[in-house]
C-alpha atoms as a PDB file:
ATOM      1  CA  UNK A   1      31.631  35.643  40.730  1.00  0.00           C
ATOM      2  CA  UNK A   2      31.716  37.337  37.636  1.00  0.00           C
ATOM      3  CA  UNK A   3      28.831  37.174  35.002  1.00  0.00           C
ATOM      4  CA  UNK A   4      28.560  33.426  33.777  1.00  0.00           C
ATOM      5  CA  UNK A   5      29.305  32.743  29.981  1.00  0.00           C
ATOM      6  CA  UNK A   6      27.464  29.767  28.887  1.00  0.00           C
ATOM      7  CA  UNK A   7      25.602  26.855  30.071  1.00  0.00           C
ATOM      8  CA  UNK A   8      26.939  23.750  32.645  1.00  0.00           C
ATOM      9  CA  UNK A   9      27.210  20.055  31.934  1.00  0.00           C
ATOM     10  CA  UNK A  10      23.496  19.280  34.008  1.00  0.00           C
ATOM     11  CA  UNK A  11      21.709  21.829  31.926  1.00  0.00           C
ATOM     12  CA  UNK A  12      22.851  20.816  28.527  1.00  0.00           C
ATOM     13  CA  UNK A  13      22.043  17.104  29.959  1.00  0.00           C
ATOM     14  CA  UNK A  14      18.525  17.693  30.867  1.00  0.00           C
ATOM     15  CA  UNK A  15      18.473  19.472  27.067  1.00  0.00           C
ATOM     16  CA  UNK A  16      19.551  16.261  25.776  1.00  0.00           C
ATOM     17  CA  UNK A  17      17.329  14.267  27.279  1.00  0.00           C
ATOM     18  CA  UNK A  18      14.016  16.545  26.711  1.00  0.00           C
ATOM     19  CA  UNK A  19      14.661  15.827  22.873  1.00  0.00           C
ATOM     20  CA  UNK A  20      15.638  12.481  23.265  1.00  0.00           C
ATOM     21  CA  UNK A  21      11.811  12.114  25.115  1.00  0.00           C
ATOM     22  CA  UNK A  22       9.911  14.312  22.206  1.00  0.00           C
ATOM     23  CA  UNK A  23      12.074  12.218  19.208  1.00  0.00           C
ATOM     24  CA  UNK A  24      11.028   9.138  20.794  1.00  0.00           C
ATOM     25  CA  UNK A  25       7.381  10.183  21.079  1.00  0.00           C
ATOM     26  CA  UNK A  26       7.645  11.241  17.389  1.00  0.00           C
ATOM     27  CA  UNK A  27       9.121   8.717  15.403  1.00  0.00           C
ATOM     28  CA  UNK A  28       6.953   6.063  15.710  1.00  0.00           C
ATOM     29  CA  UNK A  29       3.941   8.442  14.407  1.00  0.00           C
ATOM     30  CA  UNK A  30       5.796   9.604  11.233  1.00  0.00           C
ATOM     31  CA  UNK A  31       6.276   5.472  10.982  1.00  0.00           C
ATOM     32  CA  UNK A  32       2.836   5.386  11.066  1.00  0.00           C
ATOM     33  CA  UNK A  33       1.741   8.595   9.392  1.00  0.00           C
ATOM     34  CA  UNK A  34       4.235   7.005   5.976  1.00  0.00           C
ATOM     35  CA  UNK A  35       2.589   4.022   6.065  1.00  0.00           C
ATOM     36  CA  UNK A  36      -1.143   5.089   5.991  1.00  0.00           C
ATOM     37  CA  UNK A  37       0.552   7.632   3.086  1.00  0.00           C
ATOM     38  CA  UNK A  38       2.055   4.875   0.959  1.00  0.00           C
ATOM     39  CA  UNK A  39      -1.172   2.305   1.902  1.00  0.00           C
ATOM     40  CA  UNK A  40      -3.662   4.969   0.753  1.00  0.00           C
ATOM     41  CA  UNK A  41      -1.895   5.381  -2.496  1.00  0.00           C
ATOM     42  CA  UNK A  42      -1.697   1.713  -3.300  1.00  0.00           C
ATOM     43  CA  UNK A  43      -5.611   1.643  -2.221  1.00  0.00           C
ATOM     44  CA  UNK A  44      -6.170   4.102  -5.049  1.00  0.00           C
ATOM     45  CA  UNK A  45      -4.162   2.545  -7.336  1.00  0.00           C
ATOM     46  CA  UNK A  46      -6.393  -0.666  -6.498  1.00  0.00           C
ATOM     47  CA  UNK A  47      -9.034   1.090  -6.989  1.00  0.00           C
ATOM     48  CA  UNK A  48      -8.605   2.683 -10.315  1.00  0.00           C
ATOM     49  CA  UNK A  49      -7.384  -0.248 -11.983  1.00  0.00           C
ATOM     50  CA  UNK A  50     -10.844  -1.885 -10.355  1.00  0.00           C
ATOM     51  CA  UNK A  51     -12.940   0.498 -12.086  1.00  0.00           C
ATOM     52  CA  UNK A  52     -10.370   0.044 -15.717  1.00  0.00           C
ATOM     53  CA  UNK A  53     -10.909  -3.694 -15.795  1.00  0.00           C
ATOM     54  CA  UNK A  54     -14.555  -3.468 -14.583  1.00  0.00           C
ATOM     55  CA  UNK A  55     -15.107  -1.141 -18.008  1.00  0.00           C
ATOM     56  CA  UNK A  56     -13.131  -3.461 -19.711  1.00  0.00           C
ATOM     57  CA  UNK A  57     -14.941  -6.759 -19.025  1.00  0.00           C
ATOM     58  CA  UNK A  58     -18.566  -4.909 -19.840  1.00  0.00           C
ATOM     59  CA  UNK A  59     -17.104  -3.626 -22.742  1.00  0.00           C
ATOM     60  CA  UNK A  60     -15.451  -6.869 -24.370  1.00  0.00           C
ATOM     61  CA  UNK A  61     -17.306  -9.956 -21.593  1.00  0.00           C
ATOM     62  CA  UNK A  62     -13.566 -11.318 -20.522  1.00  0.00           C
ATOM     63  CA  UNK A  63     -11.425 -10.363 -17.759  1.00  0.00           C
ATOM     64  CA  UNK A  64      -7.744  -8.560 -19.319  1.00  0.00           C
ATOM     65  CA  UNK A  65      -5.255 -11.160 -19.312  1.00  0.00           C
ATOM     66  CA  UNK A  66      -2.637 -11.869 -16.233  1.00  0.00           C
ATOM     67  CA  UNK A  67      -0.131  -9.269 -16.312  1.00  0.00           C
ATOM     68  CA  UNK A  68       3.267  -9.085 -15.111  1.00  0.00           C
ATOM     69  CA  UNK A  69       4.193  -7.539 -11.514  1.00  0.00           C
ATOM     70  CA  UNK A  70       4.005  -3.826 -11.238  1.00  0.00           C
ATOM     71  CA  UNK A  71       3.145  -3.450 -14.872  1.00  0.00           C
ATOM     72  CA  UNK A  72      -0.724  -3.265 -16.869  1.00  0.00           C
ATOM     73  CA  UNK A  73      -1.479  -6.167 -18.872  1.00  0.00           C
ATOM     74  CA  UNK A  74      -2.225  -6.126 -22.764  1.00  0.00           C
ATOM     75  CA  UNK A  75      -5.058  -4.252 -23.634  1.00  0.00           C
ATOM     76  CA  UNK A  76      -5.733  -2.446 -20.446  1.00  0.00           C
ATOM     77  CA  UNK A  77      -4.381   0.891 -21.750  1.00  0.00           C
ATOM     78  CA  UNK A  78      -7.209   2.833 -22.807  1.00  0.00           C
ATOM     79  CA  UNK A  79      -9.247   1.520 -19.769  1.00  0.00           C
ATOM     80  CA  UNK A  80      -6.871   3.024 -16.572  1.00  0.00           C
ATOM     81  CA  UNK A  81      -5.519   6.201 -15.912  1.00  0.00           C
ATOM     82  CA  UNK A  82      -2.269   6.791 -18.085  1.00  0.00           C
ATOM     83  CA  UNK A  83      -0.582   7.583 -14.418  1.00  0.00           C
ATOM     84  CA  UNK A  84      -2.310   4.866 -12.257  1.00  0.00           C
ATOM     85  CA  UNK A  85       0.896   3.085 -11.394  1.00  0.00           C
ATOM     86  CA  UNK A  86       1.033  -0.692 -11.011  1.00  0.00           C
ATOM     87  CA  UNK A  87       4.351   0.102  -8.287  1.00  0.00           C
ATOM     88  CA  UNK A  88       5.084   2.215  -5.760  1.00  0.00           C
ATOM     89  CA  UNK A  89       7.361   2.735  -3.035  1.00  0.00           C
ATOM     90  CA  UNK A  90       7.106  -0.389  -1.181  1.00  0.00           C
ATOM     91  CA  UNK A  91       4.453  -2.289  -3.127  1.00  0.00           C
ATOM     92  CA  UNK A  92       3.502  -3.382  -6.580  1.00  0.00           C
ATOM     93  CA  UNK A  93       0.747  -4.258  -7.619  1.00  0.00           C
ATOM     94  CA  UNK A  94      -0.571  -7.472 -10.189  1.00  0.00           C
ATOM     95  CA  UNK A  95      -3.425  -7.786 -12.154  1.00  0.00           C
ATOM     96  CA  UNK A  96      -4.937 -11.729 -12.714  1.00  0.00           C
ATOM     97  CA  UNK A  97      -7.178 -13.799 -13.898  1.00  0.00           C
ATOM     98  CA  UNK A  98      -8.241 -17.268 -12.864  1.00  0.00           C
ATOM     99  CA  UNK A  99     -11.025 -19.887 -13.360  1.00  0.00           C
ATOM    100  CA  UNK A 100     -12.912 -20.498 -10.032  1.00  0.00           C
ATOM    101  CA  UNK A 101     -15.138 -23.541 -10.882  1.00  0.00           C
ATOM    102  CA  UNK A 102     -17.262 -22.674 -14.017  1.00  0.00           C
ATOM    103  CA  UNK A 103     -16.031 -18.809 -14.027  1.00  0.00           C
ATOM    104  CA  UNK A 104     -13.423 -16.875 -14.449  1.00  0.00           C
ATOM    105  CA  UNK A 105     -12.802 -14.061 -11.880  1.00  0.00           C
ATOM    106  CA  UNK A 106     -10.155 -10.985 -11.843  1.00  0.00           C
ATOM    107  CA  UNK A 107      -8.121 -10.358  -8.901  1.00  0.00           C
ATOM    108  CA  UNK A 108      -5.595  -7.441  -7.733  1.00  0.00           C
ATOM    109  CA  UNK A 109      -2.595  -8.763  -5.865  1.00  0.00           C
ATOM    110  CA  UNK A 110      -0.651  -6.370  -4.215  1.00  0.00           C
ATOM    111  CA  UNK A 111       2.536  -7.694  -3.186  1.00  0.00           C
ATOM    112  CA  UNK A 112       4.522  -5.539  -0.185  1.00  0.00           C
ATOM    113  CA  UNK A 113       8.092  -4.813   0.352  1.00  0.00           C
ATOM    114  CA  UNK A 114       7.372  -2.789   3.091  1.00  0.00           C
ATOM    115  CA  UNK A 115       6.065  -4.389   6.584  1.00  0.00           C
ATOM    116  CA  UNK A 116       3.840  -1.484   7.571  1.00  0.00           C
ATOM    117  CA  UNK A 117       2.566  -1.746   3.744  1.00  0.00           C
ATOM    118  CA  UNK A 118       0.251  -4.431   4.302  1.00  0.00           C
ATOM    119  CA  UNK A 119      -1.647  -4.338   6.969  1.00  0.00           C
ATOM    120  CA  UNK A 120      -2.651  -0.923   6.404  1.00  0.00           C
ATOM    121  CA  UNK A 121      -4.066  -1.869   2.989  1.00  0.00           C
ATOM    122  CA  UNK A 122      -5.724  -4.724   4.191  1.00  0.00           C
ATOM    123  CA  UNK A 123      -7.459  -2.295   6.720  1.00  0.00           C
ATOM    124  CA  UNK A 124      -8.119   0.290   3.744  1.00  0.00           C
ATOM    125  CA  UNK A 125      -9.811  -2.522   2.116  1.00  0.00           C
ATOM    126  CA  UNK A 126     -11.733  -4.094   5.307  1.00  0.00           C
ATOM    127  CA  UNK A 127      -9.599  -6.116   6.185  1.00  0.00           C
ATOM    128  CA  UNK A 128     -10.070 -10.471   5.038  1.00  0.00           C
ATOM    129  CA  UNK A 129     -13.415 -11.118   3.745  1.00  0.00           C
ATOM    130  CA  UNK A 130     -14.857 -12.983   0.872  1.00  0.00           C
ATOM    131  CA  UNK A 131     -13.742 -10.374  -1.670  1.00  0.00           C
ATOM    132  CA  UNK A 132     -10.288  -9.558   0.110  1.00  0.00           C
ATOM    133  CA  UNK A 133      -7.388 -12.095   1.020  1.00  0.00           C
ATOM    134  CA  UNK A 134      -5.015 -10.654   3.390  1.00  0.00           C
ATOM    135  CA  UNK A 135      -1.501 -12.350   4.838  1.00  0.00           C
ATOM    136  CA  UNK A 136       1.439  -9.805   6.660  1.00  0.00           C
ATOM    137  CA  UNK A 137       4.399 -11.682   7.382  1.00  0.00           C
ATOM    138  CA  UNK A 138       7.082  -9.674   9.502  1.00  0.00           C
ATOM    139  CA  UNK A 139       9.321  -8.323   6.056  1.00  0.00           C
ATOM    140  CA  UNK A 140       6.522  -8.636   3.457  1.00  0.00           C
ATOM    141  CA  UNK A 141       3.218  -9.107   2.168  1.00  0.00           C
ATOM    142  CA  UNK A 142      -0.029  -9.971  -0.179  1.00  0.00           C
ATOM    143  CA  UNK A 143      -3.522  -8.159  -0.064  1.00  0.00           C
ATOM    144  CA  UNK A 144      -4.866  -9.781  -2.738  1.00  0.00           C
ATOM    145  CA  UNK A 145      -8.995  -8.433  -3.859  1.00  0.00           C
ATOM    146  CA  UNK A 146     -11.471 -10.813  -5.702  1.00  0.00           C
ATOM    147  CA  UNK A 147     -13.750  -8.678  -8.813  1.00  0.00           C
ATOM    148  CA  UNK A 148     -16.456 -10.552  -9.869  1.00  0.00           C
ATOM    149  CA  UNK A 149     -19.107  -9.850 -12.505  1.00  0.00           C
END
């Protein structure tokens, strides 16, 4: 037999199987890393908003009014960074104030459209507690963080 050129079918199938196994290992890791990045972005925005509304409360002795989903409430513009988003890829934030007994408290509510973001944000905030409410479903979820003064 003269010099052999090219690959046999068996060699090609082995390479394809190896690539499939490597892709099967890599894809879930990439999805988890993406969810962590989106969750970290949302938690960073929640922290910036929490600091801004706390400063607002200390200045005015009242919480800002409840705002629309995905947008800052009126009057909060000078208290939060201009780049602090109320919406990102797979999530939206809403500032709320409500009365509990005789006290008015504030809350930042995250609505996650991406099912991987809700548990990641809940984990980054320390999980369910007196200040953090978590309701994650298979398609979406909410994480609410209570702020008291």
